[in-house]
N, C-alpha and C. Protein backbone atom coordinates (compact mmCIF):
# COMPACT_ATOMS: atom_id res chain seq x y z
N MET A 1 8.45 17.65 -11.61
CA MET A 1 8.31 16.25 -11.94
C MET A 1 8.18 15.45 -10.64
N LEU A 2 7.33 14.46 -10.67
CA LEU A 2 7.13 13.63 -9.48
C LEU A 2 8.30 12.68 -9.30
N GLU A 3 8.76 12.55 -8.07
CA GLU A 3 9.86 11.66 -7.76
C GLU A 3 9.30 10.31 -7.33
N ARG A 4 9.91 9.24 -7.78
CA ARG A 4 9.45 7.90 -7.40
C ARG A 4 9.57 7.73 -5.90
N MET A 5 8.53 7.14 -5.33
CA MET A 5 8.53 6.90 -3.89
C MET A 5 9.19 5.56 -3.62
N LYS A 6 9.86 5.46 -2.51
CA LYS A 6 10.51 4.22 -2.12
C LYS A 6 9.44 3.16 -1.87
N LYS A 7 9.66 1.96 -2.42
CA LYS A 7 8.74 0.87 -2.19
C LYS A 7 9.04 0.27 -0.82
N HIS A 8 8.01 0.15 0.00
CA HIS A 8 8.16 -0.35 1.34
C HIS A 8 7.90 -1.85 1.39
N PRO A 9 8.53 -2.54 2.33
CA PRO A 9 8.29 -3.98 2.43
C PRO A 9 6.85 -4.28 2.85
N THR A 10 6.41 -5.47 2.51
CA THR A 10 5.09 -5.92 2.89
C THR A 10 5.04 -6.18 4.38
N GLU A 11 3.96 -5.78 5.01
CA GLU A 11 3.79 -6.01 6.45
C GLU A 11 3.25 -7.42 6.66
N ILE A 12 3.98 -8.22 7.43
CA ILE A 12 3.52 -9.56 7.77
C ILE A 12 3.67 -9.76 9.27
N THR A 13 2.91 -10.67 9.81
CA THR A 13 2.99 -11.01 11.22
C THR A 13 3.30 -12.49 11.32
N LEU A 14 4.29 -12.82 12.12
CA LEU A 14 4.66 -14.22 12.33
C LEU A 14 4.39 -14.60 13.78
N THR A 15 3.94 -15.82 13.98
CA THR A 15 3.71 -16.34 15.32
C THR A 15 4.47 -17.65 15.45
N PHE A 16 5.18 -17.79 16.53
CA PHE A 16 5.95 -19.02 16.76
C PHE A 16 5.52 -19.67 18.06
N ILE A 17 5.64 -20.97 18.10
CA ILE A 17 5.42 -21.73 19.32
C ILE A 17 6.75 -22.43 19.63
N GLY A 18 7.23 -22.23 20.83
CA GLY A 18 8.50 -22.84 21.19
C GLY A 18 8.86 -22.54 22.63
N PRO A 19 10.05 -22.97 23.00
CA PRO A 19 10.49 -22.76 24.39
C PRO A 19 10.70 -21.29 24.69
N ASP A 20 10.22 -20.87 25.85
CA ASP A 20 10.31 -19.46 26.26
C ASP A 20 11.75 -18.98 26.34
N ASP A 21 12.65 -19.87 26.74
CA ASP A 21 14.05 -19.45 26.90
C ASP A 21 14.74 -19.19 25.55
N MET A 22 14.10 -19.53 24.42
CA MET A 22 14.68 -19.28 23.10
C MET A 22 14.05 -18.08 22.40
N LYS A 23 13.13 -17.41 23.08
CA LYS A 23 12.42 -16.29 22.46
C LYS A 23 13.37 -15.20 21.99
N GLN A 24 14.28 -14.77 22.84
CA GLN A 24 15.19 -13.68 22.49
C GLN A 24 16.09 -14.09 21.32
N ARG A 25 16.53 -15.32 21.29
CA ARG A 25 17.37 -15.80 20.17
C ARG A 25 16.58 -15.77 18.86
N ALA A 26 15.32 -16.18 18.90
CA ALA A 26 14.48 -16.15 17.71
C ALA A 26 14.31 -14.71 17.20
N ILE A 27 14.10 -13.79 18.11
CA ILE A 27 13.96 -12.37 17.73
C ILE A 27 15.24 -11.88 17.07
N GLU A 28 16.38 -12.20 17.66
CA GLU A 28 17.66 -11.76 17.12
C GLU A 28 17.92 -12.35 15.73
N LEU A 29 17.56 -13.61 15.54
CA LEU A 29 17.73 -14.23 14.22
C LEU A 29 16.87 -13.56 13.17
N MET A 30 15.62 -13.27 13.51
CA MET A 30 14.73 -12.60 12.56
C MET A 30 15.24 -11.19 12.24
N GLN A 31 15.75 -10.48 13.24
CA GLN A 31 16.29 -9.15 13.00
C GLN A 31 17.53 -9.20 12.12
N SER A 32 18.31 -10.27 12.24
CA SER A 32 19.54 -10.39 11.45
C SER A 32 19.25 -10.54 9.96
N ILE A 33 18.03 -10.96 9.60
CA ILE A 33 17.67 -11.08 8.18
C ILE A 33 16.72 -9.97 7.73
N GLY A 34 16.59 -8.92 8.53
CA GLY A 34 15.86 -7.74 8.10
C GLY A 34 14.49 -7.51 8.68
N PHE A 35 14.01 -8.41 9.54
CA PHE A 35 12.71 -8.20 10.16
C PHE A 35 12.85 -7.23 11.32
N THR A 36 11.78 -6.49 11.58
CA THR A 36 11.78 -5.60 12.74
C THR A 36 10.66 -6.05 13.67
N GLY A 37 10.86 -5.81 14.93
CA GLY A 37 9.86 -6.21 15.92
C GLY A 37 8.74 -5.21 15.99
N ILE A 38 7.62 -5.63 16.49
CA ILE A 38 6.46 -4.75 16.64
C ILE A 38 6.81 -3.56 17.53
N GLU A 39 7.76 -3.75 18.44
CA GLU A 39 8.15 -2.66 19.31
C GLU A 39 8.91 -1.57 18.56
N ASP A 40 9.33 -1.88 17.31
CA ASP A 40 10.06 -0.90 16.51
C ASP A 40 9.14 0.00 15.69
N GLY A 41 7.85 -0.23 15.73
CA GLY A 41 6.95 0.57 14.93
C GLY A 41 5.51 0.37 15.35
N ILE A 42 4.65 1.09 14.64
CA ILE A 42 3.22 0.95 14.90
C ILE A 42 2.52 0.75 13.56
N PRO A 43 1.35 0.15 13.54
CA PRO A 43 0.63 -0.03 12.27
C PRO A 43 0.31 1.32 11.64
N TRP A 44 0.38 1.38 10.31
CA TRP A 44 0.19 2.66 9.64
C TRP A 44 -1.20 3.23 9.88
N ARG A 45 -2.19 2.37 10.08
CA ARG A 45 -3.54 2.87 10.34
C ARG A 45 -3.61 3.64 11.66
N SER A 46 -2.79 3.24 12.62
CA SER A 46 -2.72 3.96 13.89
C SER A 46 -1.95 5.26 13.73
N ALA A 47 -0.91 5.24 12.90
CA ALA A 47 -0.10 6.44 12.72
C ALA A 47 -0.80 7.51 11.88
N PHE A 48 -1.66 7.07 10.95
CA PHE A 48 -2.34 8.01 10.06
C PHE A 48 -3.84 7.77 10.06
N PRO A 49 -4.52 8.06 11.16
CA PRO A 49 -5.96 7.81 11.22
C PRO A 49 -6.76 8.66 10.25
N GLU A 50 -6.19 9.75 9.77
CA GLU A 50 -6.91 10.61 8.83
C GLU A 50 -7.16 9.92 7.48
N PHE A 51 -6.46 8.82 7.20
CA PHE A 51 -6.66 8.09 5.95
C PHE A 51 -7.63 6.93 6.09
N SER A 52 -8.09 6.65 7.29
CA SER A 52 -8.92 5.47 7.52
C SER A 52 -10.28 5.55 6.82
N ASP A 53 -10.79 6.74 6.58
CA ASP A 53 -12.09 6.85 5.91
C ASP A 53 -11.98 6.76 4.40
N ASN A 54 -10.77 6.79 3.85
CA ASN A 54 -10.56 6.68 2.40
C ASN A 54 -9.31 5.86 2.11
N GLU A 55 -9.24 4.69 2.66
CA GLU A 55 -8.05 3.86 2.52
C GLU A 55 -7.77 3.49 1.06
N LYS A 56 -8.79 3.10 0.32
CA LYS A 56 -8.60 2.67 -1.07
C LYS A 56 -8.11 3.82 -1.95
N GLY A 57 -8.68 5.01 -1.75
CA GLY A 57 -8.23 6.17 -2.52
C GLY A 57 -6.80 6.55 -2.18
N THR A 58 -6.45 6.42 -0.91
CA THR A 58 -5.09 6.72 -0.48
C THR A 58 -4.11 5.73 -1.10
N LEU A 59 -4.50 4.45 -1.14
CA LEU A 59 -3.64 3.44 -1.75
C LEU A 59 -3.50 3.68 -3.25
N LEU A 60 -4.57 4.09 -3.90
CA LEU A 60 -4.51 4.40 -5.33
C LEU A 60 -3.54 5.56 -5.59
N LYS A 61 -3.69 6.61 -4.82
CA LYS A 61 -2.81 7.77 -5.01
C LYS A 61 -1.36 7.40 -4.73
N GLY A 62 -1.13 6.64 -3.66
CA GLY A 62 0.22 6.23 -3.33
C GLY A 62 0.86 5.39 -4.43
N ALA A 63 0.09 4.45 -4.99
CA ALA A 63 0.62 3.61 -6.08
C ALA A 63 0.91 4.45 -7.32
N ARG A 64 0.03 5.42 -7.59
CA ARG A 64 0.24 6.31 -8.74
C ARG A 64 1.51 7.14 -8.57
N LEU A 65 1.67 7.71 -7.38
CA LEU A 65 2.87 8.51 -7.12
C LEU A 65 4.14 7.66 -7.12
N ARG A 66 4.03 6.45 -6.60
CA ARG A 66 5.18 5.53 -6.61
C ARG A 66 5.67 5.29 -8.03
N GLU A 67 4.73 5.21 -8.97
CA GLU A 67 5.09 4.98 -10.37
C GLU A 67 5.47 6.28 -11.09
N GLY A 68 5.36 7.41 -10.39
CA GLY A 68 5.75 8.68 -10.96
C GLY A 68 4.79 9.22 -12.01
N LEU A 69 3.50 8.90 -11.83
CA LEU A 69 2.49 9.32 -12.80
C LEU A 69 1.60 10.42 -12.25
N THR A 70 1.19 11.31 -13.12
CA THR A 70 0.15 12.28 -12.77
C THR A 70 -1.20 11.60 -13.01
N GLN A 71 -2.26 12.22 -12.54
CA GLN A 71 -3.59 11.67 -12.81
C GLN A 71 -3.84 11.63 -14.32
N LYS A 72 -3.42 12.65 -15.03
CA LYS A 72 -3.62 12.71 -16.47
C LYS A 72 -2.87 11.57 -17.17
N GLN A 73 -1.63 11.32 -16.76
CA GLN A 73 -0.85 10.23 -17.36
C GLN A 73 -1.50 8.88 -17.09
N LEU A 74 -2.00 8.69 -15.85
CA LEU A 74 -2.67 7.45 -15.52
C LEU A 74 -3.95 7.31 -16.33
N SER A 75 -4.63 8.39 -16.53
CA SER A 75 -5.84 8.40 -17.34
C SER A 75 -5.53 7.95 -18.77
N GLU A 76 -4.48 8.50 -19.34
CA GLU A 76 -4.08 8.13 -20.70
C GLU A 76 -3.67 6.66 -20.79
N LYS A 77 -3.04 6.17 -19.75
CA LYS A 77 -2.55 4.79 -19.73
C LYS A 77 -3.69 3.78 -19.56
N THR A 78 -4.75 4.18 -18.87
CA THR A 78 -5.83 3.25 -18.53
C THR A 78 -7.12 3.47 -19.31
N GLY A 79 -7.30 4.66 -19.86
CA GLY A 79 -8.56 4.98 -20.51
C GLY A 79 -9.64 5.42 -19.54
N ILE A 80 -9.31 5.53 -18.27
CA ILE A 80 -10.25 6.01 -17.25
C ILE A 80 -10.13 7.53 -17.21
N PRO A 81 -11.24 8.26 -17.30
CA PRO A 81 -11.16 9.72 -17.29
C PRO A 81 -10.42 10.26 -16.05
N GLN A 82 -9.66 11.30 -16.25
CA GLN A 82 -8.86 11.89 -15.16
C GLN A 82 -9.75 12.32 -14.01
N ARG A 83 -10.92 12.87 -14.30
CA ARG A 83 -11.81 13.31 -13.21
C ARG A 83 -12.28 12.13 -12.39
N HIS A 84 -12.44 10.96 -13.02
CA HIS A 84 -12.83 9.76 -12.27
C HIS A 84 -11.69 9.29 -11.36
N ILE A 85 -10.47 9.38 -11.84
CA ILE A 85 -9.32 9.02 -11.01
C ILE A 85 -9.25 9.95 -9.80
N SER A 86 -9.46 11.24 -10.04
CA SER A 86 -9.47 12.21 -8.95
C SER A 86 -10.56 11.87 -7.93
N GLU A 87 -11.74 11.54 -8.42
CA GLU A 87 -12.86 11.21 -7.53
C GLU A 87 -12.58 9.92 -6.76
N MET A 88 -11.93 8.95 -7.39
CA MET A 88 -11.58 7.70 -6.68
C MET A 88 -10.55 7.98 -5.59
N GLU A 89 -9.57 8.81 -5.89
CA GLU A 89 -8.53 9.14 -4.91
C GLU A 89 -9.09 9.90 -3.72
N THR A 90 -10.11 10.71 -3.94
CA THR A 90 -10.69 11.49 -2.83
C THR A 90 -11.86 10.79 -2.15
N GLY A 91 -12.20 9.59 -2.63
CA GLY A 91 -13.27 8.82 -2.00
C GLY A 91 -14.67 9.19 -2.45
N LYS A 92 -14.78 9.99 -3.49
CA LYS A 92 -16.10 10.41 -3.98
C LYS A 92 -16.68 9.41 -4.98
N ARG A 93 -15.84 8.48 -5.47
CA ARG A 93 -16.28 7.47 -6.44
C ARG A 93 -15.66 6.14 -6.05
N GLN A 94 -16.47 5.09 -6.09
CA GLN A 94 -15.94 3.77 -5.80
C GLN A 94 -15.13 3.27 -6.98
N ILE A 95 -14.15 2.43 -6.70
CA ILE A 95 -13.25 1.96 -7.75
C ILE A 95 -13.88 0.81 -8.53
N GLY A 96 -14.40 -0.19 -7.88
CA GLY A 96 -15.00 -1.32 -8.58
C GLY A 96 -13.96 -2.29 -9.10
N ARG A 97 -14.36 -3.55 -9.26
CA ARG A 97 -13.41 -4.60 -9.62
C ARG A 97 -12.78 -4.38 -10.99
N LYS A 98 -13.58 -4.07 -12.00
CA LYS A 98 -13.03 -3.92 -13.35
C LYS A 98 -11.99 -2.80 -13.39
N ARG A 99 -12.34 -1.67 -12.81
CA ARG A 99 -11.38 -0.56 -12.79
C ARG A 99 -10.17 -0.89 -11.91
N ALA A 100 -10.40 -1.61 -10.82
CA ALA A 100 -9.28 -2.01 -9.96
C ALA A 100 -8.28 -2.85 -10.75
N GLU A 101 -8.78 -3.75 -11.58
CA GLU A 101 -7.90 -4.59 -12.40
C GLU A 101 -7.13 -3.76 -13.42
N ILE A 102 -7.81 -2.81 -14.05
CA ILE A 102 -7.15 -1.94 -15.04
C ILE A 102 -6.08 -1.09 -14.36
N LEU A 103 -6.43 -0.48 -13.23
CA LEU A 103 -5.48 0.37 -12.51
C LEU A 103 -4.30 -0.43 -11.99
N ALA A 104 -4.57 -1.62 -11.46
CA ALA A 104 -3.49 -2.45 -10.91
C ALA A 104 -2.49 -2.84 -11.99
N GLU A 105 -2.98 -3.16 -13.17
CA GLU A 105 -2.07 -3.51 -14.26
C GLU A 105 -1.19 -2.32 -14.64
N ALA A 106 -1.79 -1.15 -14.72
CA ALA A 106 -1.04 0.06 -15.07
C ALA A 106 -0.05 0.46 -13.97
N LEU A 107 -0.40 0.16 -12.71
CA LEU A 107 0.43 0.58 -11.57
C LEU A 107 1.29 -0.55 -11.03
N GLN A 108 1.28 -1.69 -11.72
CA GLN A 108 2.11 -2.84 -11.35
C GLN A 108 1.90 -3.25 -9.90
N THR A 109 0.65 -3.51 -9.56
CA THR A 109 0.32 -3.92 -8.21
C THR A 109 -0.84 -4.90 -8.25
N ASP A 110 -1.26 -5.39 -7.11
CA ASP A 110 -2.36 -6.34 -6.99
C ASP A 110 -3.68 -5.57 -6.95
N TYR A 111 -4.62 -5.93 -7.82
CA TYR A 111 -5.90 -5.21 -7.89
C TYR A 111 -6.68 -5.27 -6.60
N ARG A 112 -6.46 -6.31 -5.78
CA ARG A 112 -7.25 -6.48 -4.56
C ARG A 112 -7.02 -5.36 -3.55
N MET A 113 -5.92 -4.65 -3.66
CA MET A 113 -5.70 -3.56 -2.70
C MET A 113 -6.69 -2.41 -2.90
N PHE A 114 -7.33 -2.34 -4.05
CA PHE A 114 -8.27 -1.27 -4.34
C PHE A 114 -9.71 -1.66 -4.04
N LEU A 115 -9.95 -2.88 -3.61
CA LEU A 115 -11.31 -3.35 -3.37
C LEU A 115 -11.67 -3.29 -1.90
């Protein structure tokens, strides 16, 4: 059985304008509420360049696994043939807006990530 994947926080970038002598205090305040500095990590595209040629398919598969669904279960939930889901995940078939909306609803995510 597939195990639910941990949902990761959204990546955002903040820019501030202010006095240079307060920079460290601003960093500490942001860290105290759960933000991490860029020095604490690297962008996922840099860490996993092997996914750069099929980003949308990788995101589809990740969302499916996060929800604990097999391709067949997702197919049954959406009405999209399982072989088409497989082809979308491997980058052999484009997802398209209509299918992105159907998949996003089934996977409880924003359809724009698949476009």
